[in-house]
Amino acid sequence: MDFRLLTLTKDHRGCTLRDDGRPLAWYPAVQPALELARTLAAASRLREDRAVVLELSAYGQPPRRLPLD
């Protein structure tokens, strides 16, 4: 199954939002990046028939999936 992967990468500098590996935006905190990721996921669901997966990758930990709602 083809899906769009939105990843929030958190480290000591802040949080980077990536879309299928491409950096989109940087924020000093997770919450604004999470809001943008959820907005992009909602827009993607309206336009395309492609699933969206949201993951949070904290420094030194494996990525974990986050709910989109």
PDB file of N, CA and C in Angstrom:
ATOM      1  N   MET A   1       0.836  -1.183   0.000  1.00  0.00           N
ATOM      2  CA  MET A   1       0.000   0.000   0.000  1.00  0.00           C
ATOM      3  C   MET A   1       0.882   1.248   0.000  1.00  0.00           C
ATOM      4  N   ASP A   2       0.550   2.180  -0.841  1.00  0.00           N
ATOM      5  CA  ASP A   2       1.273   3.432  -0.947  1.00  0.00           C
ATOM      6  C   ASP A   2       0.721   4.413   0.086  1.00  0.00           C
ATOM      7  N   PHE A   3       1.608   5.052   0.853  1.00  0.00           N
ATOM      8  CA  PHE A   3       1.160   6.014   1.847  1.00  0.00           C
ATOM      9  C   PHE A   3       2.122   7.184   1.923  1.00  0.00           C
ATOM     10  N   ARG A   4       1.628   8.287   2.456  1.00  0.00           N
ATOM     11  CA  ARG A   4       2.424   9.492   2.665  1.00  0.00           C
ATOM     12  C   ARG A   4       2.928   9.449   4.103  1.00  0.00           C
ATOM     13  N   LEU A   5       4.226   9.586   4.291  1.00  0.00           N
ATOM     14  CA  LEU A   5       4.822   9.521   5.616  1.00  0.00           C
ATOM     15  C   LEU A   5       5.232  10.915   6.068  1.00  0.00           C
ATOM     16  N   LEU A   6       4.567  11.398   7.109  1.00  0.00           N
ATOM     17  CA  LEU A   6       4.935  12.659   7.739  1.00  0.00           C
ATOM     18  C   LEU A   6       5.673  12.310   9.022  1.00  0.00           C
ATOM     19  N   THR A   7       6.877  12.842   9.180  1.00  0.00           N
ATOM     20  CA  THR A   7       7.707  12.514  10.331  1.00  0.00           C
ATOM     21  C   THR A   7       8.079  13.780  11.083  1.00  0.00           C
ATOM     22  N   LEU A   8       7.873  13.748  12.391  1.00  0.00           N
ATOM     23  CA  LEU A   8       8.341  14.814  13.267  1.00  0.00           C
ATOM     24  C   LEU A   8       9.621  14.306  13.917  1.00  0.00           C
ATOM     25  N   THR A   9      10.736  14.973  13.658  1.00  0.00           N
ATOM     26  CA  THR A   9      12.022  14.576  14.217  1.00  0.00           C
ATOM     27  C   THR A   9      12.390  15.558  15.312  1.00  0.00           C
ATOM     28  N   LYS A  10      12.401  15.079  16.561  1.00  0.00           N
ATOM     29  CA  LYS A  10      12.676  15.932  17.719  1.00  0.00           C
ATOM     30  C   LYS A  10      14.103  15.705  18.190  1.00  0.00           C
ATOM     31  N   ASP A  11      14.834  16.809  18.381  1.00  0.00           N
ATOM     32  CA  ASP A  11      16.168  16.727  18.961  1.00  0.00           C
ATOM     33  C   ASP A  11      16.377  17.943  19.867  1.00  0.00           C
ATOM     34  N   HIS A  12      17.600  18.164  20.317  1.00  0.00           N
ATOM     35  CA  HIS A  12      17.869  19.253  21.261  1.00  0.00           C
ATOM     36  C   HIS A  12      17.682  20.644  20.658  1.00  0.00           C
ATOM     37  N   ARG A  13      17.651  20.757  19.327  1.00  0.00           N
ATOM     38  CA  ARG A  13      17.477  22.057  18.670  1.00  0.00           C
ATOM     39  C   ARG A  13      16.017  22.409  18.434  1.00  0.00           C
ATOM     40  N   GLY A  14      15.138  21.413  18.408  1.00  0.00           N
ATOM     41  CA  GLY A  14      13.726  21.661  18.131  1.00  0.00           C
ATOM     42  C   GLY A  14      13.105  20.483  17.417  1.00  0.00           C
ATOM     43  N   CYS A  15      12.190  20.781  16.497  1.00  0.00           N
ATOM     44  CA  CYS A  15      11.443  19.735  15.817  1.00  0.00           C
ATOM     45  C   CYS A  15      11.371  20.039  14.317  1.00  0.00           C
ATOM     46  N   THR A  16      11.730  19.062  13.496  1.00  0.00           N
ATOM     47  CA  THR A  16      11.673  19.198  12.044  1.00  0.00           C
ATOM     48  C   THR A  16      10.545  18.337  11.510  1.00  0.00           C
ATOM     49  N   LEU A  17       9.700  18.919  10.664  1.00  0.00           N
ATOM     50  CA  LEU A  17       8.639  18.175   9.996  1.00  0.00           C
ATOM     51  C   LEU A  17       9.139  17.764   8.625  1.00  0.00           C
ATOM     52  N   ARG A  18       9.071  16.465   8.342  1.00  0.00           N
ATOM     53  CA  ARG A  18       9.508  15.923   7.049  1.00  0.00           C
ATOM     54  C   ARG A  18       8.326  15.254   6.359  1.00  0.00           C
ATOM     55  N   ASP A  19       8.269  15.434   5.048  1.00  0.00           N
ATOM     56  CA  ASP A  19       7.242  14.813   4.212  1.00  0.00           C
ATOM     57  C   ASP A  19       7.944  13.827   3.286  1.00  0.00           C
ATOM     58  N   ASP A  20       7.742  12.534   3.537  1.00  0.00           N
ATOM     59  CA  ASP A  20       8.429  11.477   2.784  1.00  0.00           C
ATOM     60  C   ASP A  20       9.942  11.723   2.739  1.00  0.00           C
ATOM     61  N   GLY A  21      10.489  12.152   3.885  1.00  0.00           N
ATOM     62  CA  GLY A  21      11.929  12.353   4.004  1.00  0.00           C
ATOM     63  C   GLY A  21      12.428  13.746   3.662  1.00  0.00           C
ATOM     64  N   ARG A  22      11.609  14.566   3.010  1.00  0.00           N
ATOM     65  CA  ARG A  22      12.020  15.928   2.646  1.00  0.00           C
ATOM     66  C   ARG A  22      11.660  16.899   3.771  1.00  0.00           C
ATOM     67  N   PRO A  23      12.614  17.685   4.258  1.00  0.00           N
ATOM     68  CA  PRO A  23      12.293  18.653   5.312  1.00  0.00           C
ATOM     69  C   PRO A  23      11.321  19.723   4.802  1.00  0.00           C
ATOM     70  N   LEU A  24      10.272  19.972   5.586  1.00  0.00           N
ATOM     71  CA  LEU A  24       9.291  21.002   5.225  1.00  0.00           C
ATOM     72  C   LEU A  24       9.393  22.236   6.112  1.00  0.00           C
ATOM     73  N   ALA A  25       9.521  22.003   7.418  1.00  0.00           N
ATOM     74  CA  ALA A  25       9.502  23.133   8.353  1.00  0.00           C
ATOM     75  C   ALA A  25      10.240  22.749   9.629  1.00  0.00           C
ATOM     76  N   TRP A  26      10.734  23.776  10.326  1.00  0.00           N
ATOM     77  CA  TRP A  26      11.384  23.581  11.611  1.00  0.00           C
ATOM     78  C   TRP A  26      10.667  24.438  12.641  1.00  0.00           C
ATOM     79  N   TYR A  27      10.471  23.886  13.823  1.00  0.00           N
ATOM     80  CA  TYR A  27       9.841  24.602  14.932  1.00  0.00           C
ATOM     81  C   TYR A  27      10.655  24.366  16.200  1.00  0.00           C
ATOM     82  N   PRO A  28      10.658  25.325  17.123  1.00  0.00           N
ATOM     83  CA  PRO A  28      11.385  25.121  18.376  1.00  0.00           C
ATOM     84  C   PRO A  28      10.678  24.136  19.327  1.00  0.00           C
ATOM     85  N   ALA A  29       9.383  23.856  19.069  1.00  0.00           N
ATOM     86  CA  ALA A  29       8.607  22.944  19.915  1.00  0.00           C
ATOM     87  C   ALA A  29       7.826  21.964  19.036  1.00  0.00           C
ATOM     88  N   VAL A  30       7.366  20.886  19.640  1.00  0.00           N
ATOM     89  CA  VAL A  30       6.655  19.837  18.900  1.00  0.00           C
ATOM     90  C   VAL A  30       5.236  20.260  18.519  1.00  0.00           C
ATOM     91  N   GLN A  31       4.537  20.960  19.412  1.00  0.00           N
ATOM     92  CA  GLN A  31       3.114  21.240  19.196  1.00  0.00           C
ATOM     93  C   GLN A  31       2.804  21.956  17.873  1.00  0.00           C
ATOM     94  N   PRO A  32       3.495  23.045  17.510  1.00  0.00           N
ATOM     95  CA  PRO A  32       3.183  23.678  16.224  1.00  0.00           C
ATOM     96  C   PRO A  32       3.492  22.777  15.028  1.00  0.00           C
ATOM     97  N   ALA A  33       4.546  21.983  15.124  1.00  0.00           N
ATOM     98  CA  ALA A  33       4.872  21.044  14.042  1.00  0.00           C
ATOM     99  C   ALA A  33       3.796  19.977  13.921  1.00  0.00           C
ATOM    100  N   LEU A  34       3.279  19.527  15.056  1.00  0.00           N
ATOM    101  CA  LEU A  34       2.207  18.535  15.061  1.00  0.00           C
ATOM    102  C   LEU A  34       0.920  19.103  14.451  1.00  0.00           C
ATOM    103  N   GLU A  35       0.617  20.353  14.740  1.00  0.00           N
ATOM    104  CA  GLU A  35      -0.563  21.004  14.151  1.00  0.00           C
ATOM    105  C   GLU A  35      -0.446  21.080  12.629  1.00  0.00           C
ATOM    106  N   LEU A  36       0.734  21.471  12.126  1.00  0.00           N
ATOM    107  CA  LEU A  36       0.934  21.539  10.679  1.00  0.00           C
ATOM    108  C   LEU A  36       0.843  20.152  10.059  1.00  0.00           C
ATOM    109  N   ALA A  37       1.417  19.153  10.705  1.00  0.00           N
ATOM    110  CA  ALA A  37       1.366  17.785  10.183  1.00  0.00           C
ATOM    111  C   ALA A  37      -0.076  17.295  10.082  1.00  0.00           C
ATOM    112  N   ARG A  38      -0.874  17.573  11.094  1.00  0.00           N
ATOM    113  CA  ARG A  38      -2.278  17.149  11.069  1.00  0.00           C
ATOM    114  C   ARG A  38      -3.075  17.910  10.015  1.00  0.00           C
ATOM    115  N   THR A  39      -2.750  19.175   9.804  1.00  0.00           N
ATOM    116  CA  THR A  39      -3.404  19.960   8.752  1.00  0.00           C
ATOM    117  C   THR A  39      -3.059  19.391   7.374  1.00  0.00           C
ATOM    118  N   LEU A  40      -1.784  19.069   7.164  1.00  0.00           N
ATOM    119  CA  LEU A  40      -1.361  18.476   5.886  1.00  0.00           C
ATOM    120  C   LEU A  40      -2.022  17.117   5.671  1.00  0.00           C
ATOM    121  N   ALA A  41      -2.155  16.337   6.729  1.00  0.00           N
ATOM    122  CA  ALA A  41      -2.791  15.023   6.616  1.00  0.00           C
ATOM    123  C   ALA A  41      -4.264  15.173   6.233  1.00  0.00           C
ATOM    124  N   ALA A  42      -4.956  16.125   6.850  1.00  0.00           N
ATOM    125  CA  ALA A  42      -6.373  16.346   6.528  1.00  0.00           C
ATOM    126  C   ALA A  42      -6.527  16.807   5.080  1.00  0.00           C
ATOM    127  N   ALA A  43      -5.665  17.718   4.632  1.00  0.00           N
ATOM    128  CA  ALA A  43      -5.726  18.194   3.249  1.00  0.00           C
ATOM    129  C   ALA A  43      -5.415  17.056   2.280  1.00  0.00           C
ATOM    130  N   SER A  44      -4.466  16.225   2.621  1.00  0.00           N
ATOM    131  CA  SER A  44      -4.108  15.094   1.763  1.00  0.00           C
ATOM    132  C   SER A  44      -5.264  14.112   1.628  1.00  0.00           C
ATOM    133  N   ARG A  45      -5.973  13.870   2.732  1.00  0.00           N
ATOM    134  CA  ARG A  45      -7.127  12.963   2.672  1.00  0.00           C
ATOM    135  C   ARG A  45      -8.236  13.518   1.791  1.00  0.00           C
ATOM    136  N   LEU A  46      -8.380  14.842   1.749  1.00  0.00           N
ATOM    137  CA  LEU A  46      -9.403  15.450   0.905  1.00  0.00           C
ATOM    138  C   LEU A  46      -9.044  15.381  -0.577  1.00  0.00           C
ATOM    139  N   ARG A  47      -7.755  15.511  -0.900  1.00  0.00           N
ATOM    140  CA  ARG A  47      -7.315  15.560  -2.289  1.00  0.00           C
ATOM    141  C   ARG A  47      -7.029  14.208  -2.893  1.00  0.00           C
ATOM    142  N   GLU A  48      -6.428  13.326  -2.135  1.00  0.00           N
ATOM    143  CA  GLU A  48      -5.919  12.072  -2.685  1.00  0.00           C
ATOM    144  C   GLU A  48      -6.564  10.879  -1.994  1.00  0.00           C
ATOM    145  N   ASP A  49      -6.391   9.741  -2.597  1.00  0.00           N
ATOM    146  CA  ASP A  49      -6.873   8.499  -2.001  1.00  0.00           C
ATOM    147  C   ASP A  49      -5.690   7.730  -1.409  1.00  0.00           C
ATOM    148  N   ARG A  50      -4.759   8.452  -0.851  1.00  0.00           N
ATOM    149  CA  ARG A  50      -3.523   7.877  -0.311  1.00  0.00           C
ATOM    150  C   ARG A  50      -3.538   7.979   1.215  1.00  0.00           C
ATOM    151  N   ALA A  51      -3.201   6.916   1.893  1.00  0.00           N
ATOM    152  CA  ALA A  51      -3.157   6.925   3.351  1.00  0.00           C
ATOM    153  C   ALA A  51      -2.018   7.825   3.839  1.00  0.00           C
ATOM    154  N   VAL A  52      -2.185   8.365   5.027  1.00  0.00           N
ATOM    155  CA  VAL A  52      -1.175   9.221   5.636  1.00  0.00           C
ATOM    156  C   VAL A  52      -0.779   8.613   6.979  1.00  0.00           C
ATOM    157  N   VAL A  53       0.530   8.519   7.219  1.00  0.00           N
ATOM    158  CA  VAL A  53       1.065   8.005   8.481  1.00  0.00           C
ATOM    159  C   VAL A  53       1.882   9.127   9.114  1.00  0.00           C
ATOM    160  N   LEU A  54       1.650   9.350  10.415  1.00  0.00           N
ATOM    161  CA  LEU A  54       2.376  10.368  11.154  1.00  0.00           C
ATOM    162  C   LEU A  54       3.229   9.683  12.214  1.00  0.00           C
ATOM    163  N   GLU A  55       4.534   9.971  12.195  1.00  0.00           N
ATOM    164  CA  GLU A  55       5.453   9.373  13.159  1.00  0.00           C
ATOM    165  C   GLU A  55       6.234  10.454  13.900  1.00  0.00           C
ATOM    166  N   LEU A  56       6.545  10.168  15.173  1.00  0.00           N
ATOM    167  CA  LEU A  56       7.407  11.029  15.966  1.00  0.00           C
ATOM    168  C   LEU A  56       8.697  10.277  16.227  1.00  0.00           C
ATOM    169  N   SER A  57       9.803  10.902  15.879  1.00  0.00           N
ATOM    170  CA  SER A  57      11.114  10.300  16.085  1.00  0.00           C
ATOM    171  C   SER A  57      11.895  11.192  17.038  1.00  0.00           C
ATOM    172  N   ALA A  58      11.989  10.766  18.299  1.00  0.00           N
ATOM    173  CA  ALA A  58      12.747  11.526  19.290  1.00  0.00           C
ATOM    174  C   ALA A  58      14.205  11.087  19.240  1.00  0.00           C
ATOM    175  N   TYR A  59      15.094  11.973  19.608  1.00  0.00           N
ATOM    176  CA  TYR A  59      16.529  11.727  19.539  1.00  0.00           C
ATOM    177  C   TYR A  59      16.902  10.429  20.259  1.00  0.00           C
ATOM    178  N   GLY A  60      17.519   9.508  19.521  1.00  0.00           N
ATOM    179  CA  GLY A  60      18.007   8.273  20.093  1.00  0.00           C
ATOM    180  C   GLY A  60      16.954   7.204  20.339  1.00  0.00           C
ATOM    181  N   GLN A  61      15.721   7.407  19.881  1.00  0.00           N
ATOM    182  CA  GLN A  61      14.645   6.440  20.088  1.00  0.00           C
ATOM    183  C   GLN A  61      14.057   6.040  18.750  1.00  0.00           C
ATOM    184  N   PRO A  62      13.475   4.836  18.681  1.00  0.00           N
ATOM    185  CA  PRO A  62      12.833   4.444  17.425  1.00  0.00           C
ATOM    186  C   PRO A  62      11.566   5.273  17.194  1.00  0.00           C
ATOM    187  N   PRO A  63      11.192   5.485  15.938  1.00  0.00           N
ATOM    188  CA  PRO A  63       9.979   6.273  15.654  1.00  0.00           C
ATOM    189  C   PRO A  63       8.735   5.562  16.165  1.00  0.00           C
ATOM    190  N   ARG A  64       7.740   6.372  16.576  1.00  0.00           N
ATOM    191  CA  ARG A  64       6.453   5.816  17.002  1.00  0.00           C
ATOM    192  C   ARG A  64       5.336   6.546  16.273  1.00  0.00           C
ATOM    193  N   ARG A  65       4.295   5.798  15.949  1.00  0.00           N
ATOM    194  CA  ARG A  65       3.167   6.378  15.219  1.00  0.00           C
ATOM    195  C   ARG A  65       2.295   7.206  16.142  1.00  0.00           C
ATOM    196  N   LEU A  66       1.799   8.305  15.606  1.00  0.00           N
ATOM    197  CA  LEU A  66       0.900   9.199  16.345  1.00  0.00           C
ATOM    198  C   LEU A  66      -0.462   9.192  15.683  1.00  0.00           C
ATOM    199  N   PRO A  67      -1.517   9.390  16.469  1.00  0.00           N
ATOM    200  CA  PRO A  67      -2.852   9.488  15.870  1.00  0.00           C
ATOM    201  C   PRO A  67      -3.002  10.789  15.087  1.00  0.00           C
ATOM    202  N   LEU A  68      -3.798  10.758  14.048  1.00  0.00           N
ATOM    203  CA  LEU A  68      -3.992  11.940  13.210  1.00  0.00           C
ATOM    204  C   LEU A  68      -5.159  12.806  13.659  1.00  0.00           C
ATOM    205  N   ASP A  69      -5.990  12.328  14.537  1.00  0.00           N
ATOM    206  CA  ASP A  69      -7.151  13.130  14.955  1.00  0.00           C
ATOM    207  C   ASP A  69      -6.925  13.885  16.226  1.00  0.00           C
TER     208      ASP A  69
END
